[in-house]
């Protein structure tokens, strides 16, 4: 029997949920063991991820609208707008991490951290919008959980205030409107036979590239030759 849109969203998220024990960064920030520089590198990499993802989501919205998939178009327009808000919230995070404007402007991103937005761009060009909605929704759930853990750790162990944690809070907070748009997009995709098995492959690769993002940050932390917890600020 064909699953409902709600069932498909739920089972896809469950199948693609990462093992939190495999994340080499988030637990260390959550309990204060990570170097502050690791958080700074995360923010610096996001300065390049965000504009790329925003353009990818805008293009997906355009493709969906052109194919009369207005439900998926609305979803992608919302997430594109969210990327604009995320970029605005990076500056207080830079300040809290001691990142100067000149460093932020001249920082060279690492390939391991930029594989994720590169794949999102591929999806923007090649993915069926409804399939991409499914894959992204599952990935957003994992990313939101990571952001919630990081925000908690930054407040508890690094002395960050609400403004400094605003970037992570944005993704950690519930997004009922976006959830409703995802549900509408998947429901419309099922009704029009536009949901394919490819959504699982898309989601699996997104999860892999996000894991690569965290692994790369951890390697850069260990390669810095420094030790110390959040108190090292």
C-alpha atoms as a PDB file:
ATOM      1  CA  UNK A   1       0.000   0.000   0.000  1.00  0.00           C
ATOM      2  CA  UNK A   2       1.304   3.454  -0.895  1.00  0.00           C
ATOM      3  CA  UNK A   3       2.372   5.351   2.243  1.00  0.00           C
ATOM      4  CA  UNK A   4       0.816   8.685   3.073  1.00  0.00           C
ATOM      5  CA  UNK A   5       2.921  11.818   2.859  1.00  0.00           C
ATOM      6  CA  UNK A   6       3.166  11.954   6.655  1.00  0.00           C
ATOM      7  CA  UNK A   7       4.292   8.336   6.835  1.00  0.00           C
ATOM      8  CA  UNK A   8       6.852   8.846   4.094  1.00  0.00           C
ATOM      9  CA  UNK A   9       8.327  11.894   5.803  1.00  0.00           C
ATOM     10  CA  UNK A  10       8.533  10.040   9.103  1.00  0.00           C
ATOM     11  CA  UNK A  11      10.042   6.819   7.741  1.00  0.00           C
ATOM     12  CA  UNK A  12      12.525   8.686   5.558  1.00  0.00           C
ATOM     13  CA  UNK A  13      13.760  10.711   8.516  1.00  0.00           C
ATOM     14  CA  UNK A  14      14.075   7.539  10.594  1.00  0.00           C
ATOM     15  CA  UNK A  15      16.002   5.667   7.889  1.00  0.00           C
ATOM     16  CA  UNK A  16      18.408   8.539   7.334  1.00  0.00           C
ATOM     17  CA  UNK A  17      18.901   9.586  10.959  1.00  0.00           C
ATOM     18  CA  UNK A  18      22.631   9.671  11.769  1.00  0.00           C
ATOM     19  CA  UNK A  19      24.191   7.957  14.760  1.00  0.00           C
ATOM     20  CA  UNK A  20      24.952  10.837  17.160  1.00  0.00           C
ATOM     21  CA  UNK A  21      27.855   8.830  18.566  1.00  0.00           C
ATOM     22  CA  UNK A  22      29.612   9.109  15.207  1.00  0.00           C
ATOM     23  CA  UNK A  23      29.650  12.907  15.254  1.00  0.00           C
ATOM     24  CA  UNK A  24      33.168  13.967  16.282  1.00  0.00           C
ATOM     25  CA  UNK A  25      32.341  17.614  17.020  1.00  0.00           C
ATOM     26  CA  UNK A  26      28.855  18.164  18.445  1.00  0.00           C
ATOM     27  CA  UNK A  27      29.280  16.138  21.669  1.00  0.00           C
ATOM     28  CA  UNK A  28      32.590  17.899  22.332  1.00  0.00           C
ATOM     29  CA  UNK A  29      30.998  21.329  22.038  1.00  0.00           C
ATOM     30  CA  UNK A  30      28.006  20.179  24.068  1.00  0.00           C
ATOM     31  CA  UNK A  31      30.182  19.225  27.036  1.00  0.00           C
ATOM     32  CA  UNK A  32      32.777  21.979  26.635  1.00  0.00           C
ATOM     33  CA  UNK A  33      35.726  19.908  25.425  1.00  0.00           C
ATOM     34  CA  UNK A  34      36.035  21.431  21.958  1.00  0.00           C
ATOM     35  CA  UNK A  35      38.360  24.291  21.183  1.00  0.00           C
ATOM     36  CA  UNK A  36      36.661  27.596  20.548  1.00  0.00           C
ATOM     37  CA  UNK A  37      38.536  27.691  17.243  1.00  0.00           C
ATOM     38  CA  UNK A  38      36.477  24.721  16.074  1.00  0.00           C
ATOM     39  CA  UNK A  39      33.291  26.755  16.495  1.00  0.00           C
ATOM     40  CA  UNK A  40      34.970  29.631  14.674  1.00  0.00           C
ATOM     41  CA  UNK A  41      35.874  27.342  11.775  1.00  0.00           C
ATOM     42  CA  UNK A  42      32.293  26.090  11.662  1.00  0.00           C
ATOM     43  CA  UNK A  43      31.064  29.668  11.343  1.00  0.00           C
ATOM     44  CA  UNK A  44      33.672  30.522   8.711  1.00  0.00           C
ATOM     45  CA  UNK A  45      32.702  27.513   6.619  1.00  0.00           C
ATOM     46  CA  UNK A  46      29.016  28.390   6.972  1.00  0.00           C
ATOM     47  CA  UNK A  47      29.779  31.809   5.537  1.00  0.00           C
ATOM     48  CA  UNK A  48      30.393  29.968   2.252  1.00  0.00           C
ATOM     49  CA  UNK A  49      27.751  27.256   2.664  1.00  0.00           C
ATOM     50  CA  UNK A  50      24.880  29.668   3.237  1.00  0.00           C
ATOM     51  CA  UNK A  51      24.984  31.731   0.006  1.00  0.00           C
ATOM     52  CA  UNK A  52      25.504  28.593  -2.060  1.00  0.00           C
ATOM     53  CA  UNK A  53      22.551  26.809  -0.466  1.00  0.00           C
ATOM     54  CA  UNK A  54      20.407  29.923  -0.774  1.00  0.00           C
ATOM     55  CA  UNK A  55      20.980  30.107  -4.519  1.00  0.00           C
ATOM     56  CA  UNK A  56      20.375  26.365  -4.850  1.00  0.00           C
ATOM     57  CA  UNK A  57      17.050  26.627  -3.023  1.00  0.00           C
ATOM     58  CA  UNK A  58      16.028  29.620  -5.115  1.00  0.00           C
ATOM     59  CA  UNK A  59      16.767  27.658  -8.286  1.00  0.00           C
ATOM     60  CA  UNK A  60      14.817  24.664  -6.971  1.00  0.00           C
ATOM     61  CA  UNK A  61      11.890  26.991  -6.266  1.00  0.00           C
ATOM     62  CA  UNK A  62      12.114  28.284  -9.826  1.00  0.00           C
ATOM     63  CA  UNK A  63      12.253  24.779 -11.321  1.00  0.00           C
ATOM     64  CA  UNK A  64       9.331  23.634  -9.206  1.00  0.00           C
ATOM     65  CA  UNK A  65       7.219  26.636 -10.167  1.00  0.00           C
ATOM     66  CA  UNK A  66       7.963  26.101 -13.856  1.00  0.00           C
ATOM     67  CA  UNK A  67       6.734  22.507 -13.570  1.00  0.00           C
ATOM     68  CA  UNK A  68       3.566  23.683 -11.766  1.00  0.00           C
ATOM     69  CA  UNK A  69       4.730  22.125  -8.493  1.00  0.00           C
ATOM     70  CA  UNK A  70       3.731  25.141  -6.440  1.00  0.00           C
ATOM     71  CA  UNK A  71       3.847  23.248  -3.147  1.00  0.00           C
ATOM     72  CA  UNK A  72       7.528  22.392  -3.522  1.00  0.00           C
ATOM     73  CA  UNK A  73       8.233  25.907  -4.782  1.00  0.00           C
ATOM     74  CA  UNK A  74       6.784  27.358  -1.582  1.00  0.00           C
ATOM     75  CA  UNK A  75       8.953  25.030   0.527  1.00  0.00           C
ATOM     76  CA  UNK A  76      12.136  26.041  -1.263  1.00  0.00           C
ATOM     77  CA  UNK A  77      11.292  29.732  -1.117  1.00  0.00           C
ATOM     78  CA  UNK A  78      10.923  29.435   2.649  1.00  0.00           C
ATOM     79  CA  UNK A  79      14.230  27.649   3.161  1.00  0.00           C
ATOM     80  CA  UNK A  80      15.968  30.155   0.871  1.00  0.00           C
ATOM     81  CA  UNK A  81      14.607  32.987   3.022  1.00  0.00           C
ATOM     82  CA  UNK A  82      15.861  31.127   6.087  1.00  0.00           C
ATOM     83  CA  UNK A  83      19.383  31.118   4.690  1.00  0.00           C
ATOM     84  CA  UNK A  84      19.258  34.910   4.480  1.00  0.00           C
ATOM     85  CA  UNK A  85      18.367  35.073   8.178  1.00  0.00           C
ATOM     86  CA  UNK A  86      21.139  32.597   8.982  1.00  0.00           C
ATOM     87  CA  UNK A  87      23.714  34.793   7.264  1.00  0.00           C
ATOM     88  CA  UNK A  88      22.645  37.790   9.350  1.00  0.00           C
ATOM     89  CA  UNK A  89      23.142  35.759  12.516  1.00  0.00           C
ATOM     90  CA  UNK A  90      26.699  34.756  11.678  1.00  0.00           C
ATOM     91  CA  UNK A  91      28.221  38.126  12.598  1.00  0.00           C
ATOM     92  CA  UNK A  92      27.443  37.889  16.351  1.00  0.00           C
ATOM     93  CA  UNK A  93      28.858  34.354  16.276  1.00  0.00           C
ATOM     94  CA  UNK A  94      32.043  35.635  14.645  1.00  0.00           C
ATOM     95  CA  UNK A  95      32.347  38.264  17.369  1.00  0.00           C
ATOM     96  CA  UNK A  96      31.897  35.696  20.147  1.00  0.00           C
ATOM     97  CA  UNK A  97      34.527  33.445  18.569  1.00  0.00           C
ATOM     98  CA  UNK A  98      37.007  36.273  18.090  1.00  0.00           C
ATOM     99  CA  UNK A  99      36.865  36.174  14.289  1.00  0.00           C
ATOM    100  CA  UNK A 100      37.712  39.510  12.716  1.00  0.00           C
ATOM    101  CA  UNK A 101      35.901  40.886   9.686  1.00  0.00           C
ATOM    102  CA  UNK A 102      39.116  40.678   7.680  1.00  0.00           C
ATOM    103  CA  UNK A 103      39.562  36.987   8.515  1.00  0.00           C
ATOM    104  CA  UNK A 104      35.960  36.258   7.624  1.00  0.00           C
ATOM    105  CA  UNK A 105      36.399  38.043   4.287  1.00  0.00           C
ATOM    106  CA  UNK A 106      39.646  36.276   3.341  1.00  0.00           C
ATOM    107  CA  UNK A 107      39.066  32.809   4.793  1.00  0.00           C
ATOM    108  CA  UNK A 108      39.585  29.971   2.307  1.00  0.00           C
ATOM    109  CA  UNK A 109      36.977  27.225   2.780  1.00  0.00           C
ATOM    110  CA  UNK A 110      37.957  23.576   3.113  1.00  0.00           C
ATOM    111  CA  UNK A 111      36.816  21.087   0.442  1.00  0.00           C
ATOM    112  CA  UNK A 112      35.603  18.605   3.050  1.00  0.00           C
ATOM    113  CA  UNK A 113      33.233  21.204   4.476  1.00  0.00           C
ATOM    114  CA  UNK A 114      32.011  22.400   1.109  1.00  0.00           C
ATOM    115  CA  UNK A 115      31.059  19.015  -0.334  1.00  0.00           C
ATOM    116  CA  UNK A 116      27.584  19.371   1.196  1.00  0.00           C
ATOM    117  CA  UNK A 117      26.608  22.624  -0.588  1.00  0.00           C
ATOM    118  CA  UNK A 118      28.190  21.296  -3.782  1.00  0.00           C
ATOM    119  CA  UNK A 119      25.818  18.336  -3.651  1.00  0.00           C
ATOM    120  CA  UNK A 120      22.854  20.566  -2.838  1.00  0.00           C
ATOM    121  CA  UNK A 121      23.741  22.505  -5.999  1.00  0.00           C
ATOM    122  CA  UNK A 122      23.749  19.202  -7.921  1.00  0.00           C
ATOM    123  CA  UNK A 123      20.321  18.436  -6.516  1.00  0.00           C
ATOM    124  CA  UNK A 124      19.119  21.869  -7.598  1.00  0.00           C
ATOM    125  CA  UNK A 125      20.054  20.994 -11.162  1.00  0.00           C
ATOM    126  CA  UNK A 126      19.056  17.344 -11.280  1.00  0.00           C
ATOM    127  CA  UNK A 127      16.698  16.335  -8.477  1.00  0.00           C
ATOM    128  CA  UNK A 128      12.948  15.995  -8.744  1.00  0.00           C
ATOM    129  CA  UNK A 129      11.787  18.772  -6.389  1.00  0.00           C
ATOM    130  CA  UNK A 130       9.481  16.546  -4.325  1.00  0.00           C
ATOM    131  CA  UNK A 131      12.307  14.040  -3.833  1.00  0.00           C
ATOM    132  CA  UNK A 132      14.616  16.835  -2.742  1.00  0.00           C
ATOM    133  CA  UNK A 133      12.011  18.056  -0.252  1.00  0.00           C
ATOM    134  CA  UNK A 134      11.971  14.599   1.335  1.00  0.00           C
ATOM    135  CA  UNK A 135      15.754  14.309   1.457  1.00  0.00           C
ATOM    136  CA  UNK A 136      16.260  17.800   2.833  1.00  0.00           C
ATOM    137  CA  UNK A 137      13.550  17.473   5.465  1.00  0.00           C
ATOM    138  CA  UNK A 138      15.238  14.370   6.860  1.00  0.00           C
ATOM    139  CA  UNK A 139      18.601  16.125   6.821  1.00  0.00           C
ATOM    140  CA  UNK A 140      17.233  19.275   8.435  1.00  0.00           C
ATOM    141  CA  UNK A 141      16.011  17.204  11.382  1.00  0.00           C
ATOM    142  CA  UNK A 142      19.538  15.924  12.032  1.00  0.00           C
ATOM    143  CA  UNK A 143      21.099  19.363  11.530  1.00  0.00           C
ATOM    144  CA  UNK A 144      18.563  20.954  13.861  1.00  0.00           C
ATOM    145  CA  UNK A 145      19.385  18.461  16.614  1.00  0.00           C
ATOM    146  CA  UNK A 146      23.097  19.193  16.218  1.00  0.00           C
ATOM    147  CA  UNK A 147      22.473  22.927  16.387  1.00  0.00           C
ATOM    148  CA  UNK A 148      20.414  22.533  19.565  1.00  0.00           C
ATOM    149  CA  UNK A 149      23.233  20.605  21.227  1.00  0.00           C
ATOM    150  CA  UNK A 150      25.825  23.153  20.148  1.00  0.00           C
ATOM    151  CA  UNK A 151      23.733  26.080  21.386  1.00  0.00           C
ATOM    152  CA  UNK A 152      23.290  24.395  24.742  1.00  0.00           C
ATOM    153  CA  UNK A 153      27.015  23.738  25.040  1.00  0.00           C
ATOM    154  CA  UNK A 154      27.991  27.261  24.035  1.00  0.00           C
ATOM    155  CA  UNK A 155      25.731  28.713  26.702  1.00  0.00           C
ATOM    156  CA  UNK A 156      26.738  26.260  29.427  1.00  0.00           C
ATOM    157  CA  UNK A 157      30.486  26.060  28.859  1.00  0.00           C
ATOM    158  CA  UNK A 158      31.641  28.971  26.696  1.00  0.00           C
ATOM    159  CA  UNK A 159      29.603  31.849  28.101  1.00  0.00           C
ATOM    160  CA  UNK A 160      27.821  32.678  24.836  1.00  0.00           C
ATOM    161  CA  UNK A 161      24.700  34.834  25.097  1.00  0.00           C
ATOM    162  CA  UNK A 162      21.482  34.534  23.107  1.00  0.00           C
ATOM    163  CA  UNK A 163      22.722  36.779  20.311  1.00  0.00           C
ATOM    164  CA  UNK A 164      25.903  34.765  19.875  1.00  0.00           C
ATOM    165  CA  UNK A 165      23.866  31.533  19.780  1.00  0.00           C
ATOM    166  CA  UNK A 166      21.284  32.977  17.394  1.00  0.00           C
ATOM    167  CA  UNK A 167      22.635  31.144  14.352  1.00  0.00           C
ATOM    168  CA  UNK A 168      22.259  27.759  16.017  1.00  0.00           C
ATOM    169  CA  UNK A 169      18.953  28.662  17.660  1.00  0.00           C
ATOM    170  CA  UNK A 170      17.506  29.462  14.227  1.00  0.00           C
ATOM    171  CA  UNK A 171      17.913  25.878  13.069  1.00  0.00           C
ATOM    172  CA  UNK A 172      17.187  24.289  16.451  1.00  0.00           C
ATOM    173  CA  UNK A 173      13.795  25.942  16.900  1.00  0.00           C
ATOM    174  CA  UNK A 174      10.658  24.126  15.675  1.00  0.00           C
ATOM    175  CA  UNK A 175       9.486  25.244  12.235  1.00  0.00           C
ATOM    176  CA  UNK A 176       5.817  24.238  12.016  1.00  0.00           C
ATOM    177  CA  UNK A 177       5.157  26.329   8.895  1.00  0.00           C
ATOM    178  CA  UNK A 178       8.044  24.671   7.059  1.00  0.00           C
ATOM    179  CA  UNK A 179       6.859  21.257   8.248  1.00  0.00           C
ATOM    180  CA  UNK A 180       3.411  21.976   6.818  1.00  0.00           C
ATOM    181  CA  UNK A 181       4.945  23.075   3.531  1.00  0.00           C
ATOM    182  CA  UNK A 182       7.036  19.900   3.368  1.00  0.00           C
ATOM    183  CA  UNK A 183       3.955  17.796   4.015  1.00  0.00           C
ATOM    184  CA  UNK A 184       2.007  19.623   1.302  1.00  0.00           C
ATOM    185  CA  UNK A 185       4.874  19.230  -1.170  1.00  0.00           C
ATOM    186  CA  UNK A 186       5.262  15.500  -0.546  1.00  0.00           C
ATOM    187  CA  UNK A 187       1.501  14.954  -0.664  1.00  0.00           C
ATOM    188  CA  UNK A 188       1.298  16.761  -4.004  1.00  0.00           C
ATOM    189  CA  UNK A 189       4.312  14.814  -5.254  1.00  0.00           C
ATOM    190  CA  UNK A 190       2.644  11.516  -4.406  1.00  0.00           C
ATOM    191  CA  UNK A 191      -0.596  12.616  -6.051  1.00  0.00           C
ATOM    192  CA  UNK A 192       1.279  13.474  -9.253  1.00  0.00           C
ATOM    193  CA  UNK A 193       3.615  10.441  -9.170  1.00  0.00           C
ATOM    194  CA  UNK A 194       6.628  12.707  -8.762  1.00  0.00           C
ATOM    195  CA  UNK A 195       8.084  10.998  -5.700  1.00  0.00           C
ATOM    196  CA  UNK A 196      10.642   8.360  -6.649  1.00  0.00           C
ATOM    197  CA  UNK A 197      13.008   6.012  -4.852  1.00  0.00           C
ATOM    198  CA  UNK A 198      15.781   8.507  -5.568  1.00  0.00           C
ATOM    199  CA  UNK A 199      14.829  10.521  -2.472  1.00  0.00           C
ATOM    200  CA  UNK A 200      16.566   7.908  -0.306  1.00  0.00           C
ATOM    201  CA  UNK A 201      19.761   8.153  -2.338  1.00  0.00           C
ATOM    202  CA  UNK A 202      19.617  11.933  -2.161  1.00  0.00           C
ATOM    203  CA  UNK A 203      19.120  11.798   1.591  1.00  0.00           C
ATOM    204  CA  UNK A 204      21.867   9.231   2.121  1.00  0.00           C
ATOM    205  CA  UNK A 205      24.382  11.340   0.232  1.00  0.00           C
ATOM    206  CA  UNK A 206      23.333  14.498   2.060  1.00  0.00           C
ATOM    207  CA  UNK A 207      23.877  12.679   5.359  1.00  0.00           C
ATOM    208  CA  UNK A 208      27.286  11.471   4.169  1.00  0.00           C
ATOM    209  CA  UNK A 209      28.394  14.942   3.136  1.00  0.00           C
ATOM    210  CA  UNK A 210      27.182  16.437   6.404  1.00  0.00           C
ATOM    211  CA  UNK A 211      29.179  13.799   8.285  1.00  0.00           C
ATOM    212  CA  UNK A 212      32.172  14.800   6.162  1.00  0.00           C
ATOM    213  CA  UNK A 213      31.629  18.404   7.261  1.00  0.00           C
ATOM    214  CA  UNK A 214      31.873  17.423  10.938  1.00  0.00           C
ATOM    215  CA  UNK A 215      34.782  15.044  10.362  1.00  0.00           C
ATOM    216  CA  UNK A 216      36.714  17.741   8.549  1.00  0.00           C
ATOM    217  CA  UNK A 217      36.190  20.189  11.409  1.00  0.00           C
ATOM    218  CA  UNK A 218      37.389  17.568  13.901  1.00  0.00           C
ATOM    219  CA  UNK A 219      40.504  16.855  11.836  1.00  0.00           C
ATOM    220  CA  UNK A 220      41.308  20.537  11.694  1.00  0.00           C
ATOM    221  CA  UNK A 221      40.872  20.824  15.454  1.00  0.00           C
ATOM    222  CA  UNK A 222      43.177  17.899  16.161  1.00  0.00           C
ATOM    223  CA  UNK A 223      45.662  19.196  13.621  1.00  0.00           C
ATOM    224  CA  UNK A 224      45.919  22.504  15.415  1.00  0.00           C
ATOM    225  CA  UNK A 225      48.036  20.876  18.088  1.00  0.00           C
ATOM    226  CA  UNK A 226      46.152  22.572  20.865  1.00  0.00           C
ATOM    227  CA  UNK A 227      44.223  21.149  23.774  1.00  0.00           C
ATOM    228  CA  UNK A 228      41.754  22.486  26.265  1.00  0.00           C
ATOM    229  CA  UNK A 229      38.088  22.891  26.888  1.00  0.00           C
ATOM    230  CA  UNK A 230      35.759  25.829  26.598  1.00  0.00           C
ATOM    231  CA  UNK A 231      37.578  27.509  29.442  1.00  0.00           C
ATOM    232  CA  UNK A 232      40.375  28.147  26.977  1.00  0.00           C
ATOM    233  CA  UNK A 233      38.498  31.096  25.554  1.00  0.00           C
END
